[in-house]
């Protein structure tokens, strides 16, 4: 069990790191912002063959089954399975809450549930640059606005050198639900919300 204020995970913060061949089971994590089963806040971090299973994560903003917030780096051959990711705020994703310029390949989320308010996705809550290849999501996703089966919100603003976010050979089988009280849910989509 892990209980923390912010920057919570097996690693709270990583910088210029390489993590591989790791399996985490039955995690129970409760924290504030920047929460991930593996890392709360990751910068210039490479991850390969890391698996999260049968876990329960709760927090506020920037929450992901694997990483809460990440910028620069790579993720390959990793997954989050049968994991409950519940954020009381925004940027909540089955794998990553908010991703910057990061390359993701052959990774997936399956048999889990992702809940949040704005920018909620079965794979990534909000994507700002970077790329995703040969990946998928198959989870339950619930949110108030910008809710997507794969990505909740994609920032189409050029980040660096006119590089837009790119997604190749990926799909979603996620079930999505709106939960905005008596108000209609805004920007709800099978693949991405907005």
Protein backbone atom coordinates (compact mmCIF):
# COMPACT_ATOMS: atom_id res chain seq x y z
CA UNK A 1 0.00 0.00 0.00
CA UNK A 2 1.19 3.51 -0.88
CA UNK A 3 -0.34 6.68 0.57
CA UNK A 4 1.21 10.00 -0.44
CA UNK A 5 0.39 13.65 -1.03
CA UNK A 6 1.72 14.13 -4.58
CA UNK A 7 4.16 12.43 -6.99
CA UNK A 8 3.18 8.91 -6.02
CA UNK A 9 4.00 5.51 -7.48
CA UNK A 10 6.64 2.84 -7.10
CA UNK A 11 8.83 5.80 -8.13
CA UNK A 12 7.53 9.27 -7.35
CA UNK A 13 9.74 11.08 -9.90
CA UNK A 14 12.20 9.77 -12.52
CA UNK A 15 14.71 11.66 -14.66
CA UNK A 16 16.99 10.19 -17.35
CA UNK A 17 16.02 6.68 -16.25
CA UNK A 18 15.62 3.23 -17.80
CA UNK A 19 13.17 0.74 -16.30
CA UNK A 20 12.57 -2.72 -17.78
CA UNK A 21 11.31 -6.25 -17.08
CA UNK A 22 9.15 -5.41 -14.08
CA UNK A 23 5.78 -6.77 -12.94
CA UNK A 24 3.66 -5.08 -10.27
CA UNK A 25 0.63 -6.87 -8.81
CA UNK A 26 -2.11 -5.90 -6.37
CA UNK A 27 -1.04 -2.30 -5.87
CA UNK A 28 -3.17 -0.10 -3.63
CA UNK A 29 -2.29 3.56 -4.04
CA UNK A 30 -3.98 6.72 -2.75
CA UNK A 31 -2.50 10.17 -3.37
CA UNK A 32 -3.11 13.70 -4.67
CA UNK A 33 -1.69 14.74 -8.04
CA UNK A 34 0.83 13.03 -10.34
CA UNK A 35 -0.06 9.43 -9.55
CA UNK A 36 0.93 6.28 -11.45
CA UNK A 37 1.27 2.61 -10.63
CA UNK A 38 4.92 2.80 -11.73
CA UNK A 39 5.81 6.53 -11.76
CA UNK A 40 4.05 9.71 -10.69
CA UNK A 41 6.11 12.13 -12.82
CA UNK A 42 8.54 10.86 -15.49
CA UNK A 43 10.93 12.94 -17.58
CA UNK A 44 13.29 11.49 -20.19
CA UNK A 45 12.50 7.97 -19.02
CA UNK A 46 12.54 4.74 -21.06
CA UNK A 47 10.26 1.87 -20.05
CA UNK A 48 10.19 -1.59 -21.58
CA UNK A 49 8.24 -4.72 -20.62
CA UNK A 50 6.60 -3.32 -17.49
CA UNK A 51 3.23 -4.74 -16.42
CA UNK A 52 0.68 -3.55 -13.85
CA UNK A 53 -2.08 -6.00 -12.85
CA UNK A 54 -4.98 -6.27 -10.41
CA UNK A 55 -4.45 -2.85 -8.83
CA UNK A 56 -6.48 0.02 -7.36
CA UNK A 57 -5.26 3.61 -7.81
CA UNK A 58 -6.94 6.77 -6.51
CA UNK A 59 -5.89 10.40 -6.78
CA UNK A 60 -6.65 13.88 -8.12
CA UNK A 61 -5.12 15.22 -11.37
CA UNK A 62 -2.55 13.62 -13.69
CA UNK A 63 -3.24 9.96 -13.03
CA UNK A 64 -2.39 6.87 -15.04
CA UNK A 65 -2.27 3.14 -14.51
CA UNK A 66 1.43 3.22 -15.43
CA UNK A 67 2.48 6.92 -15.26
CA UNK A 68 0.71 10.07 -14.10
CA UNK A 69 2.62 12.60 -16.23
CA UNK A 70 5.43 11.92 -18.69
CA UNK A 71 7.49 14.03 -21.08
CA UNK A 72 10.24 12.81 -23.41
CA UNK A 73 11.19 9.14 -23.44
CA UNK A 74 9.84 5.83 -24.69
CA UNK A 75 7.47 3.07 -23.62
CA UNK A 76 7.48 -0.37 -25.24
CA UNK A 77 5.76 -3.73 -24.71
CA UNK A 78 4.02 -2.67 -21.50
CA UNK A 79 0.46 -3.03 -20.25
CA UNK A 80 -2.02 -2.29 -17.48
CA UNK A 81 -4.54 -5.06 -16.81
CA UNK A 82 -7.55 -5.36 -14.51
CA UNK A 83 -6.71 -2.08 -12.79
CA UNK A 84 -9.04 0.61 -11.41
CA UNK A 85 -7.80 4.18 -12.01
CA UNK A 86 -10.00 6.79 -10.32
CA UNK A 87 -9.13 10.48 -10.42
CA UNK A 88 -11.22 13.19 -8.81
CA UNK A 89 -9.77 15.74 -11.27
CA UNK A 90 -8.47 15.96 -14.84
CA UNK A 91 -5.98 14.16 -17.12
CA UNK A 92 -6.76 10.57 -16.21
CA UNK A 93 -5.70 7.63 -18.40
CA UNK A 94 -5.56 3.86 -18.28
CA UNK A 95 -1.84 3.95 -19.13
CA UNK A 96 -0.82 7.63 -18.81
CA UNK A 97 -2.62 10.70 -17.46
CA UNK A 98 -0.83 13.30 -19.60
CA UNK A 99 1.86 12.48 -22.15
CA UNK A 100 4.23 14.93 -23.82
CA UNK A 101 6.80 14.13 -26.49
CA UNK A 102 6.98 10.38 -25.86
CA UNK A 103 7.04 7.39 -28.23
CA UNK A 104 4.83 4.42 -27.28
CA UNK A 105 4.84 1.04 -29.04
CA UNK A 106 3.09 -2.30 -28.52
CA UNK A 107 1.38 -1.40 -25.27
CA UNK A 108 -2.20 -1.76 -24.06
CA UNK A 109 -4.78 -1.42 -21.31
CA UNK A 110 -7.36 -4.15 -20.76
CA UNK A 111 -10.05 -5.33 -18.32
CA UNK A 112 -9.95 -2.21 -16.18
CA UNK A 113 -11.83 0.99 -15.38
CA UNK A 114 -10.82 4.64 -15.74
CA UNK A 115 -12.79 7.44 -14.08
CA UNK A 116 -12.19 11.20 -14.05
CA UNK A 117 -13.60 14.60 -14.96
CA UNK A 118 -11.97 16.26 -18.01
CA UNK A 119 -9.53 14.64 -20.47
CA UNK A 120 -10.18 11.01 -19.57
CA UNK A 121 -9.02 8.20 -21.86
CA UNK A 122 -8.79 4.43 -21.87
CA UNK A 123 -5.12 4.67 -22.89
CA UNK A 124 -4.07 8.32 -22.37
CA UNK A 125 -5.98 11.18 -20.75
CA UNK A 126 -4.35 14.00 -22.74
CA UNK A 127 -1.75 13.66 -25.48
CA UNK A 128 0.57 16.58 -26.24
CA UNK A 129 2.91 15.53 -29.04
CA UNK A 130 4.70 12.22 -29.37
CA UNK A 131 3.53 9.06 -31.10
CA UNK A 132 1.66 5.80 -30.43
CA UNK A 133 2.08 2.66 -32.54
CA UNK A 134 0.51 -0.79 -32.46
CA UNK A 135 -1.31 -0.24 -29.18
CA UNK A 136 -4.89 -0.58 -27.96
CA UNK A 137 -7.33 -0.10 -25.09
CA UNK A 138 -10.20 -2.26 -23.91
CA UNK A 139 -11.48 -0.80 -20.63
CA UNK A 140 -14.46 1.10 -19.19
CA UNK A 141 -14.03 4.89 -19.34
CA UNK A 142 -16.21 7.47 -17.54
CA UNK A 143 -15.85 11.25 -17.47
CA UNK A 144 -17.52 14.64 -17.78
CA UNK A 145 -15.81 16.20 -20.80
CA UNK A 146 -13.25 15.18 -23.44
CA UNK A 147 -13.76 11.47 -22.82
CA UNK A 148 -12.30 8.97 -25.29
CA UNK A 149 -12.00 5.23 -25.56
CA UNK A 150 -8.33 5.60 -26.46
CA UNK A 151 -7.33 9.25 -25.84
CA UNK A 152 -9.49 11.77 -24.01
CA UNK A 153 -7.96 14.91 -25.50
CA UNK A 154 -5.37 15.44 -28.23
CA UNK A 155 -3.56 18.77 -28.39
CA UNK A 156 -3.20 19.55 -32.09
CA UNK A 157 -1.02 22.60 -31.44
CA UNK A 158 2.47 22.04 -32.88
CA UNK A 159 4.70 21.39 -29.89
CA UNK A 160 8.24 21.47 -31.32
CA UNK A 161 9.26 21.98 -34.93
CA UNK A 162 5.66 21.59 -36.15
CA UNK A 163 5.40 18.04 -34.82
CA UNK A 164 1.82 16.98 -34.23
CA UNK A 165 0.76 13.97 -32.14
CA UNK A 166 0.72 10.81 -34.27
CA UNK A 167 -1.16 7.54 -33.79
CA UNK A 168 -0.54 4.50 -36.04
CA UNK A 169 -2.01 1.00 -36.21
CA UNK A 170 -3.85 1.37 -32.91
CA UNK A 171 -7.46 0.82 -31.86
CA UNK A 172 -9.92 0.96 -29.01
CA UNK A 173 -12.59 -1.48 -27.86
CA UNK A 174 -13.27 0.54 -24.72
CA UNK A 175 -16.78 1.28 -23.44
CA UNK A 176 -17.28 4.98 -22.71
CA UNK A 177 -19.79 6.71 -20.43
CA UNK A 178 -20.68 10.32 -19.68
CA UNK A 179 -21.08 11.37 -16.06
CA UNK A 180 -21.84 15.08 -15.77
CA UNK A 181 -24.85 15.16 -13.46
CA UNK A 182 -27.85 16.81 -15.11
CA UNK A 183 -25.65 18.42 -17.78
CA UNK A 184 -24.76 16.73 -21.10
CA UNK A 185 -21.32 15.23 -21.41
CA UNK A 186 -19.17 17.25 -23.83
CA UNK A 187 -16.82 15.74 -26.41
CA UNK A 188 -17.41 12.03 -25.96
CA UNK A 189 -15.82 9.75 -28.56
CA UNK A 190 -15.15 6.08 -29.21
CA UNK A 191 -11.49 6.70 -30.08
CA UNK A 192 -10.76 10.23 -28.82
CA UNK A 193 -12.96 12.79 -27.15
CA UNK A 194 -11.56 16.06 -28.48
